Amino acid sequence: MKKSCLVLAAGDGTRMKSKKPKVLCTVLGKPMLGWVLDSVRKLELNQTGIIIGNNADSVKEYAISRGEYKFYIQSERKGTAHAVMQGEELFSDEYEHTLVLCGDAPFVSEDVLKSSFVFHTENNNDITVISSILDNPFGYGRIIRKGDSLDSIVEEKDCTENQKEVKEINSGVYWFKSSTLKRMLPKISNNNIKGEYYLTDIIRLSLGENGKVNAFLCESSDIVLGANTRADLSRLNRIARDKILDIHMEKGVDFPLTDGIIIEKDVIIGADTVIFPNTILRGKTIVGEGCTIGPNSLIENCKIGDNVKLNNVQAYDSIVEDNVKAGPFVHIRPNSTLKNGVKIGDFVEVKNAEIGDNTAIAHLSYVGDSIVGKCVNFGCGTVTANYDGINKHQTIIGDNAFIGCNTNLVAPVKIGDNATTAAGSTITKDVPPNSLAVERASTRIKENWKHNKLRLENKKSK
């Protein structure tokens, strides 16, 4: 049984006041289209097409980054049925069933799509409309039933007073027998105020030819939610945030207070981890068990081990192994690895560096483009001078080294195992193992320096 799908994604961002297409506006950091494609991808469809508008190269680029899709351009906005017509290839005789849904309704779920398809095929429906119950259905097309069967879909503006009381509404998601969709689409007219072709008209036309049409009522009302304005988008973000937090709490994650916490959809968090306020976990981040993250932390595309404590930390595209403690005010830049038991204190930046087991970088230091061994101690104010203005160079520090306060390590340079650099040194040469490196200028003192007197006189004159 071959199945196809058409995702309607041709809308622009006019009411969003955005230069990008509406479907690329984000909910918890992921474009609405991405949420829809995630659900569709799990349905084992034979082909998925996306209806895009003019100048929608950004939609095409985004979709291609996530999978293989066909694209069809709706050059004029003439309604939902007109949009579906552009993808006629995907409801040809090659496919038995076709799913049609909107790219700006992010909460359509894989479970609902699968359950509704079972309902669609078991009942041998020509058309199955996915419906939902809304306490306030104003603005939505009403599902009008005759017994257990669908009689019609009536738009808000056409509802009688009794029909307006109906709370079952059309979600805008449909399963079609492809042959029915192909046969009925050309019969839809645009004889309406807007001169557009509405996909909902296919229900009336099919029923008029004794087609078998029904509505699958799903439990969640969120399936119908989309966004046309920034206010709508903010509402979707709040709903998605609460849903995701609930999922993590069910899995044993602790949120003492949820103020300012944002967990994106693809983040994984282990049990007994505590997330404190104003923490943001983004992208493909994985957090292990028994961790304490936050407050005021931002972790993006990182793999965090077990029993890690990150307080006021920003970390990107990096690996933090078990039992690491970092913060406050720590910046872990991409391609860094903090190995087991590393301790990083306040105002430290690590970039493109591997920090070995149980190494301590206490405070006020920069370690970039470096490989650091285990059990190394960094004194306050240590800097790896990795950039010569043209190229980046690497610093290598062996196991058990001791780097004195205010040491400048001018890369490329190697510090051997168990070596020490004296405080205030600027190290420009390799230091052998078990050595002490002292690289300071000799101290010269000029007593009664004339410049001091001039400086004081200048202050008095002001």
Protein backbone atom coordinates (compact mmCIF):
# COMPACT_ATOMS: atom_id res chain seq x y z
CA MET A 1 0.00 0.00 0.00
CA LYS A 2 1.81 3.11 -1.24
CA LYS A 3 1.18 6.38 0.58
CA SER A 4 2.08 9.98 -0.25
CA CYS A 5 1.89 13.27 1.60
CA LEU A 6 1.50 16.92 0.69
CA VAL A 7 2.56 19.59 3.19
CA LEU A 8 1.08 23.02 2.48
CA ALA A 9 3.86 25.54 3.15
CA ALA A 10 3.35 28.36 0.67
CA GLY A 11 2.20 31.04 3.12
CA ASP A 12 4.34 34.12 3.63
CA GLY A 13 5.11 35.94 6.87
CA THR A 14 3.06 39.08 6.23
CA ARG A 15 1.14 39.12 9.50
CA MET A 16 4.25 37.89 11.31
CA LYS A 17 5.97 41.05 10.04
CA SER A 18 8.77 38.74 8.93
CA LYS A 19 10.89 38.51 5.81
CA LYS A 20 10.99 34.73 6.07
CA PRO A 21 8.14 32.36 5.17
CA LYS A 22 5.68 31.70 7.97
CA VAL A 23 6.47 27.99 8.25
CA LEU A 24 10.07 28.85 9.18
CA CYS A 25 9.02 30.83 12.24
CA THR A 26 10.18 28.83 15.22
CA VAL A 27 8.55 27.08 18.16
CA LEU A 28 11.14 26.29 20.82
CA GLY A 29 13.94 26.93 18.37
CA LYS A 30 12.64 24.66 15.60
CA PRO A 31 10.69 25.94 12.57
CA MET A 32 7.03 24.96 12.60
CA LEU A 33 7.66 23.08 9.36
CA GLY A 34 10.32 21.03 11.18
CA TRP A 35 7.79 19.88 13.78
CA VAL A 36 5.43 18.75 11.02
CA LEU A 37 8.14 16.98 9.02
CA ASP A 38 9.31 15.17 12.16
CA SER A 39 5.85 13.65 12.57
CA VAL A 40 5.41 12.89 8.87
CA ARG A 41 8.82 11.23 8.59
CA LYS A 42 7.79 8.48 11.03
CA LEU A 43 4.81 7.35 8.93
CA GLU A 44 6.76 5.24 6.40
CA LEU A 45 5.41 7.24 3.48
CA ASN A 46 6.62 6.50 -0.02
CA GLN A 47 6.91 10.16 -1.01
CA THR A 48 6.40 13.54 0.63
CA GLY A 49 5.96 16.77 -1.28
CA ILE A 50 6.00 20.34 -0.02
CA ILE A 51 3.96 23.13 -1.60
CA ILE A 52 6.05 26.31 -1.51
CA GLY A 53 5.43 29.86 -2.64
CA ASN A 54 7.42 32.18 -4.83
CA ASN A 55 10.83 33.10 -3.45
CA ALA A 56 10.62 30.24 -0.94
CA ASP A 57 14.17 29.02 -1.46
CA SER A 58 14.72 29.18 2.30
CA VAL A 59 11.90 26.65 2.86
CA LYS A 60 13.39 24.38 0.24
CA GLU A 61 16.86 24.69 1.73
CA TYR A 62 15.60 23.90 5.22
CA ALA A 63 13.60 20.87 4.09
CA ILE A 64 16.50 19.46 2.07
CA SER A 65 18.66 19.63 5.18
CA ARG A 66 16.22 17.24 6.87
CA GLY A 67 15.46 14.70 4.16
CA GLU A 68 14.39 14.03 0.59
CA TYR A 69 11.31 15.87 -0.56
CA LYS A 70 9.67 16.96 -3.77
CA PHE A 71 8.73 20.62 -4.15
CA TYR A 72 5.83 22.23 -5.98
CA ILE A 73 5.40 25.97 -6.41
CA GLN A 74 2.06 27.68 -5.84
CA SER A 75 2.81 30.86 -7.74
CA GLU A 76 -0.56 32.43 -6.89
CA ARG A 77 -2.45 32.15 -3.60
CA LYS A 78 -5.81 30.78 -4.71
CA GLY A 79 -6.78 28.70 -1.70
CA THR A 80 -5.98 25.36 -0.13
CA ALA A 81 -7.44 23.23 -2.92
CA HIS A 82 -5.44 25.21 -5.47
CA ALA A 83 -2.31 24.53 -3.42
CA VAL A 84 -3.00 20.78 -3.41
CA MET A 85 -3.54 20.87 -7.19
CA GLN A 86 0.09 21.87 -7.66
CA GLY A 87 1.22 18.49 -6.29
CA GLU A 88 -0.98 16.38 -8.56
CA GLU A 89 1.94 14.03 -9.15
CA LEU A 90 1.60 12.77 -5.56
CA PHE A 91 -1.99 11.60 -5.86
CA SER A 92 -1.56 9.86 -9.18
CA ASP A 93 -2.44 6.20 -9.75
CA GLU A 94 0.93 5.27 -8.25
CA TYR A 95 -0.31 6.04 -4.72
CA GLU A 96 -3.32 4.54 -2.96
CA HIS A 97 -3.64 7.10 -0.14
CA THR A 98 -2.56 10.74 0.28
CA LEU A 99 -2.14 12.73 3.47
CA VAL A 100 -2.65 16.51 3.26
CA LEU A 101 -1.71 18.80 6.15
CA CYS A 102 -0.45 22.29 6.92
CA GLY A 103 3.18 23.19 7.57
CA ASP A 104 2.29 25.83 10.17
CA ALA A 105 0.41 23.54 12.60
CA PRO A 106 3.32 22.13 14.60
CA PHE A 107 1.41 19.97 17.10
CA VAL A 108 0.11 17.37 14.67
CA SER A 109 1.56 14.19 16.15
CA GLU A 110 2.81 10.93 14.74
CA ASP A 111 0.36 8.99 16.95
CA VAL A 112 -2.67 10.91 15.66
CA LEU A 113 -1.58 10.52 12.04
CA LYS A 114 -1.07 6.77 12.47
CA SER A 115 -4.32 6.21 14.37
CA SER A 116 -6.32 8.25 11.87
CA PHE A 117 -4.84 6.27 8.97
CA VAL A 118 -5.91 3.00 10.61
CA PHE A 119 -9.41 4.49 11.02
CA HIS A 120 -9.31 5.65 7.38
CA THR A 121 -8.40 2.26 5.92
CA GLU A 122 -10.42 0.03 8.26
CA ASN A 123 -13.57 2.01 7.40
CA ASN A 124 -12.67 2.11 3.70
CA ASN A 125 -13.17 5.90 3.71
CA ASP A 126 -12.76 7.98 0.61
CA ILE A 127 -11.89 10.94 2.85
CA THR A 128 -11.04 11.08 6.54
CA VAL A 129 -10.96 14.46 8.24
CA ILE A 130 -9.07 14.71 11.52
CA SER A 131 -11.20 16.68 13.96
CA SER A 132 -10.91 17.95 17.50
CA ILE A 133 -13.04 19.47 20.26
CA LEU A 134 -12.48 23.12 21.18
CA ASP A 135 -14.18 24.88 24.08
CA ASN A 136 -14.10 28.06 22.03
CA PRO A 137 -14.46 26.99 18.38
CA PHE A 138 -14.92 30.51 17.01
CA GLY A 139 -13.31 30.91 13.60
CA TYR A 140 -13.04 27.20 12.80
CA GLY A 141 -15.07 25.10 10.38
CA ARG A 142 -17.60 22.95 12.29
CA ILE A 143 -17.90 19.21 11.86
CA ILE A 144 -21.62 18.55 11.33
CA ARG A 145 -22.51 14.91 11.87
CA LYS A 146 -25.51 12.80 10.95
CA GLY A 147 -25.42 10.09 13.56
CA ASP A 148 -21.83 8.84 13.68
CA SER A 149 -21.10 9.91 10.12
CA LEU A 150 -19.86 13.21 8.75
CA ASP A 151 -22.58 15.20 7.03
CA SER A 152 -20.69 18.40 6.21
CA ILE A 153 -18.05 20.92 7.25
CA VAL A 154 -19.53 24.39 7.70
CA GLU A 155 -17.27 27.42 7.92
CA GLU A 156 -17.85 29.89 10.76
CA LYS A 157 -19.27 32.58 8.50
CA ASP A 158 -21.86 30.14 7.10
CA CYS A 159 -22.94 28.56 10.40
CA THR A 160 -26.47 28.78 11.71
CA GLU A 161 -26.88 29.66 15.38
CA ASN A 162 -27.28 25.97 16.23
CA GLN A 163 -24.22 25.02 14.21
CA LYS A 164 -22.15 27.65 16.02
CA GLU A 165 -22.77 25.69 19.22
CA VAL A 166 -20.95 22.68 17.77
CA LYS A 167 -17.49 22.32 19.32
CA GLU A 168 -16.07 19.66 17.01
CA ILE A 169 -13.93 21.43 14.43
CA ASN A 170 -11.89 20.68 11.33
CA SER A 171 -8.13 20.44 11.99
CA GLY A 172 -7.20 20.91 8.33
CA VAL A 173 -5.53 17.47 8.22
CA TYR A 174 -6.96 14.90 5.79
CA TRP A 175 -6.39 11.36 4.59
CA PHE A 176 -7.67 10.80 1.04
CA LYS A 177 -7.96 7.87 -1.24
CA SER A 178 -5.69 9.25 -3.91
CA SER A 179 -8.16 8.33 -6.65
CA THR A 180 -10.89 10.32 -4.85
CA LEU A 181 -8.66 13.36 -4.46
CA LYS A 182 -7.65 13.22 -8.13
CA ARG A 183 -11.25 12.85 -9.29
CA MET A 184 -12.84 15.48 -7.06
CA LEU A 185 -10.31 18.34 -7.12
CA PRO A 186 -11.21 19.54 -10.64
CA LYS A 187 -14.85 19.82 -9.53
CA ILE A 188 -14.12 22.44 -6.88
CA SER A 189 -15.13 25.92 -7.98
CA ASN A 190 -14.00 29.33 -6.78
CA ASN A 191 -17.51 30.79 -6.73
CA ASN A 192 -17.04 32.63 -3.43
CA ILE A 193 -16.23 36.11 -2.19
CA LYS A 194 -12.47 35.58 -2.28
CA GLY A 195 -12.46 33.69 -5.56
CA GLU A 196 -10.45 30.88 -4.01
CA TYR A 197 -10.58 27.10 -4.22
CA TYR A 198 -11.27 25.59 -0.78
CA LEU A 199 -10.25 22.04 0.04
CA THR A 200 -13.20 21.71 2.42
CA ASP A 201 -15.52 21.83 -0.62
CA ILE A 202 -14.29 18.39 -1.56
CA ILE A 203 -16.21 16.99 1.42
CA ARG A 204 -19.53 18.31 0.15
CA LEU A 205 -18.82 17.19 -3.41
CA SER A 206 -17.79 13.72 -2.38
CA LEU A 207 -20.81 13.27 -0.12
CA GLY A 208 -22.99 14.41 -3.03
CA GLU A 209 -21.65 11.47 -5.04
CA ASN A 210 -22.23 9.06 -2.13
CA GLY A 211 -18.57 8.95 -1.24
CA LYS A 212 -17.67 7.57 2.16
CA VAL A 213 -16.47 10.50 4.27
CA ASN A 214 -15.93 10.56 8.01
CA ALA A 215 -14.14 12.45 10.76
CA PHE A 216 -11.57 10.95 13.11
CA LEU A 217 -11.93 12.70 16.47
CA CYS A 218 -8.56 13.03 18.22
CA GLU A 219 -8.26 13.71 21.93
CA SER A 220 -5.85 16.64 21.72
CA SER A 221 -7.19 20.06 20.78
CA ASP A 222 -3.67 21.31 20.12
CA ILE A 223 -3.56 19.65 16.70
CA VAL A 224 -5.52 22.57 15.24
CA LEU A 225 -3.26 25.28 16.60
CA GLY A 226 -1.27 27.30 14.12
CA ALA A 227 0.27 30.75 14.04
CA ASN A 228 -0.46 33.75 11.86
CA THR A 229 0.90 36.46 14.17
CA ARG A 230 3.72 36.87 16.68
CA ALA A 231 1.14 36.62 19.46
CA ASP A 232 0.00 33.25 18.07
CA LEU A 233 3.62 32.13 17.88
CA SER A 234 4.24 33.12 21.48
CA ARG A 235 1.20 31.10 22.54
CA LEU A 236 2.51 28.04 20.67
CA ASN A 237 5.86 28.41 22.39
CA ARG A 238 4.21 28.47 25.81
CA ILE A 239 2.11 25.40 25.05
CA ALA A 240 5.09 23.49 23.62
CA ARG A 241 7.30 24.44 26.55
CA ASP A 242 4.78 23.17 29.09
CA LYS A 243 4.22 19.94 27.15
CA ILE A 244 7.95 19.21 27.01
CA LEU A 245 8.53 20.03 30.66
CA ASP A 246 5.69 17.65 31.59
CA ILE A 247 7.30 14.88 29.53
CA HIS A 248 10.66 15.33 31.28
CA MET A 249 9.06 15.45 34.72
CA GLU A 250 7.32 12.16 33.97
CA LYS A 251 10.77 10.72 33.25
CA GLY A 252 12.17 11.84 36.60
CA VAL A 253 13.67 15.26 35.84
CA ASP A 254 13.26 17.85 38.60
CA PHE A 255 12.28 21.48 37.94
CA PRO A 256 12.03 23.19 41.38
CA LEU A 257 10.66 26.26 39.56
CA THR A 258 10.05 26.50 35.83
CA ASP A 259 10.68 30.25 35.54
CA GLY A 260 12.63 31.04 32.39
CA ILE A 261 13.34 27.39 31.55
CA ILE A 262 13.24 26.43 27.86
CA ILE A 263 13.88 22.84 26.79
CA GLU A 264 13.80 22.28 23.04
CA LYS A 265 12.02 19.31 21.52
CA ASP A 266 15.00 17.05 20.74
CA VAL A 267 16.76 17.42 24.11
CA ILE A 268 17.22 14.26 26.21
CA ILE A 269 17.60 14.48 30.02
CA GLY A 270 18.33 11.66 32.47
CA ALA A 271 16.46 10.92 35.69
CA ASP A 272 17.30 12.76 38.93
CA THR A 273 18.76 15.71 37.07
CA VAL A 274 17.74 19.11 38.46
CA ILE A 275 17.19 22.05 36.11
CA PHE A 276 17.19 25.45 37.80
CA PRO A 277 15.49 28.64 36.51
CA ASN A 278 16.63 30.62 33.48
CA THR A 279 18.23 27.58 31.87
CA ILE A 280 17.96 26.90 28.13
CA LEU A 281 18.76 23.49 26.63
CA ARG A 282 18.86 23.58 22.85
CA GLY A 283 19.37 21.42 19.78
CA LYS A 284 20.52 17.82 20.16
CA THR A 285 21.70 18.24 23.74
CA ILE A 286 21.85 15.12 25.90
CA VAL A 287 22.11 15.47 29.68
CA GLY A 288 22.91 12.46 31.87
CA GLU A 289 21.53 11.41 35.23
CA GLY A 290 21.98 13.16 38.55
CA CYS A 291 23.14 16.46 37.06
CA THR A 292 22.51 19.99 38.29
CA ILE A 293 22.11 22.45 35.42
CA GLY A 294 21.68 26.17 36.08
CA PRO A 295 20.62 28.61 37.10
CA ASN A 296 21.25 30.94 34.15
CA SER A 297 22.81 28.37 31.82
CA LEU A 298 22.58 27.84 28.07
CA ILE A 299 23.60 24.45 26.67
CA GLU A 300 23.41 23.85 22.91
CA ASN A 301 24.19 20.63 21.03
CA CYS A 302 26.25 19.22 23.88
CA LYS A 303 26.61 15.77 25.40
CA ILE A 304 26.65 16.06 29.19
CA GLY A 305 27.59 13.05 31.33
CA ASP A 306 26.29 11.96 34.73
CA ASN A 307 26.59 13.93 37.98
CA VAL A 308 27.69 17.11 36.24
CA LYS A 309 27.18 20.54 37.80
CA LEU A 310 26.94 23.53 35.46
CA ASN A 311 26.20 26.85 37.15
CA ASN A 312 25.89 29.94 34.97
CA VAL A 313 27.55 28.17 32.04
CA GLN A 314 27.21 28.63 28.30
CA ALA A 315 28.32 25.58 26.32
CA TYR A 316 28.13 24.85 22.60
CA ASP A 317 28.81 21.74 20.49
CA SER A 318 30.99 20.12 23.13
CA ILE A 319 31.31 17.06 25.35
CA VAL A 320 31.26 17.24 29.14
CA GLU A 321 32.01 13.90 30.76
CA ASP A 322 30.96 12.58 34.19
CA ASN A 323 31.49 14.43 37.48
CA VAL A 324 32.53 17.73 35.90
CA LYS A 325 31.89 20.92 37.84
CA ALA A 326 31.89 24.26 36.02
CA GLY A 327 30.88 27.80 36.84
CA PRO A 328 29.88 30.40 37.48
CA PHE A 329 30.45 32.50 34.34
CA VAL A 330 32.07 29.81 32.20
CA HIS A 331 32.06 29.75 28.40
CA ILE A 332 32.66 26.39 26.69
CA ARG A 333 33.03 27.02 22.99
CA PRO A 334 32.62 24.44 20.19
CA ASN A 335 34.72 21.29 19.83
CA SER A 336 35.76 21.14 23.46
CA THR A 337 35.88 18.08 25.70
CA LEU A 338 35.94 18.25 29.47
CA LYS A 339 36.92 14.82 30.72
CA ASN A 340 35.89 13.09 33.92
CA GLY A 341 36.21 15.14 37.10
CA VAL A 342 37.35 18.41 35.50
CA LYS A 343 36.77 21.51 37.62
CA ILE A 344 36.38 24.92 36.00
CA GLY A 345 35.86 28.06 38.07
CA ASP A 346 34.59 31.55 37.41
CA PHE A 347 35.38 33.58 34.30
CA VAL A 348 37.04 30.77 32.33
CA GLU A 349 36.75 30.24 28.58
CA VAL A 350 37.58 26.93 26.86
CA LYS A 351 37.63 26.67 23.08
CA ASN A 352 38.46 23.74 20.79
CA ALA A 353 40.33 22.07 23.62
CA GLU A 354 40.53 18.73 25.37
CA ILE A 355 40.86 19.03 29.14
CA GLY A 356 42.07 15.82 30.82
CA ASP A 357 40.68 13.96 33.82
CA ASN A 358 40.61 15.84 37.13
CA THR A 359 42.30 18.94 35.71
CA ALA A 360 41.42 22.21 37.47
CA ILE A 361 41.17 25.61 35.76
CA ALA A 362 40.23 27.69 38.74
CA HIS A 363 39.43 31.15 37.41
CA LEU A 364 40.15 34.01 35.02
CA SER A 365 41.78 31.89 32.31
CA TYR A 366 41.54 31.19 28.59
CA VAL A 367 42.40 27.76 27.18
CA GLY A 368 42.03 27.55 23.42
CA ASP A 369 43.23 25.11 20.75
CA SER A 370 44.84 22.98 23.42
CA ILE A 371 45.32 19.41 24.56
CA VAL A 372 45.64 19.27 28.33
CA GLY A 373 46.57 16.15 30.27
CA LYS A 374 45.12 14.83 33.50
CA CYS A 375 45.49 16.37 36.97
CA VAL A 376 46.86 19.67 35.63
CA ASN A 377 46.45 22.80 37.79
CA PHE A 378 45.99 26.19 36.15
CA GLY A 379 46.76 29.26 38.22
CA CYS A 380 44.64 32.39 37.99
CA GLY A 381 45.03 34.45 34.82
CA THR A 382 46.56 31.77 32.59
CA VAL A 383 46.23 32.37 28.86
CA THR A 384 47.03 30.19 25.88
CA ALA A 385 48.10 32.68 23.23
CA ASN A 386 46.89 30.61 20.30
CA TYR A 387 46.52 33.20 17.51
CA ASP A 388 49.36 35.02 15.78
CA GLY A 389 47.06 37.21 13.70
CA ILE A 390 47.06 34.80 10.77
CA ASN A 391 46.92 31.23 12.06
CA LYS A 392 45.80 29.36 15.17
CA HIS A 393 48.38 27.22 16.97
CA GLN A 394 48.14 24.44 19.52
CA THR A 395 49.30 24.23 23.12
CA ILE A 396 49.99 20.78 24.62
CA ILE A 397 50.24 20.33 28.37
CA GLY A 398 51.25 17.01 29.90
CA ASP A 399 49.87 15.17 32.93
CA ASN A 400 50.30 16.64 36.41
CA ALA A 401 51.71 19.92 35.13
CA PHE A 402 51.42 23.04 37.30
CA ILE A 403 50.80 26.30 35.45
CA GLY A 404 51.58 29.30 37.66
CA CYS A 405 49.38 32.39 37.93
CA ASN A 406 49.48 34.84 35.01
CA THR A 407 51.34 32.47 32.72
CA ASN A 408 51.16 33.21 29.00
CA LEU A 409 51.66 30.06 26.91
CA VAL A 410 52.61 31.30 23.43
CA ALA A 411 51.59 28.57 20.99
CA PRO A 412 52.84 26.39 19.48
CA VAL A 413 54.37 25.22 22.73
CA LYS A 414 54.54 22.00 24.80
CA ILE A 415 54.67 21.68 28.56
CA GLY A 416 55.94 18.27 29.66
CA ASP A 417 54.54 15.92 32.28
CA ASN A 418 54.94 17.15 35.86
CA ALA A 419 56.48 20.42 34.68
CA THR A 420 55.92 23.80 36.38
CA THR A 421 55.77 27.31 35.00
CA ALA A 422 56.57 30.13 37.39
CA ALA A 423 53.94 32.79 38.04
CA GLY A 424 54.12 35.71 35.63
CA SER A 425 56.07 33.82 32.97
CA THR A 426 55.60 34.14 29.23
CA ILE A 427 56.52 30.71 27.90
CA THR A 428 57.70 30.70 24.29
CA LYS A 429 59.75 27.47 24.29
CA ASP A 430 58.90 23.85 25.02
CA VAL A 431 59.32 22.87 28.66
CA PRO A 432 60.70 19.36 29.32
CA PRO A 433 59.03 17.02 31.84
CA ASN A 434 59.80 17.57 35.53
CA SER A 435 61.24 21.04 34.81
CA LEU A 436 60.61 24.52 36.19
CA ALA A 437 60.26 27.21 33.52
CA VAL A 438 60.85 30.82 34.53
CA GLU A 439 60.62 33.31 31.70
CA ARG A 440 60.51 36.84 33.07
CA ALA A 441 62.35 40.05 32.29
CA SER A 442 64.85 41.14 34.98
CA THR A 443 63.53 43.79 37.34
CA ARG A 444 65.01 47.28 37.06
CA ILE A 445 64.14 49.97 39.60
CA LYS A 446 64.68 53.70 39.11
CA GLU A 447 64.25 55.51 42.40
CA ASN A 448 62.82 59.04 42.51
CA TRP A 449 61.60 58.73 38.97
CA LYS A 450 60.92 62.18 37.58
CA HIS A 451 57.75 61.07 35.75
CA ASN A 452 55.96 60.34 39.05
CA LYS A 453 56.44 63.93 40.20
CA LEU A 454 55.13 65.30 36.89
CA ARG A 455 52.08 63.02 37.10
CA LEU A 456 51.17 64.30 40.59
CA GLU A 457 51.61 67.92 39.53
CA ASN A 458 49.38 67.33 36.53
CA LYS A 459 46.62 65.93 38.82
CA LYS A 460 46.79 68.96 41.10
CA SER A 461 46.48 71.37 38.20
CA LYS A 462 43.17 69.75 37.23
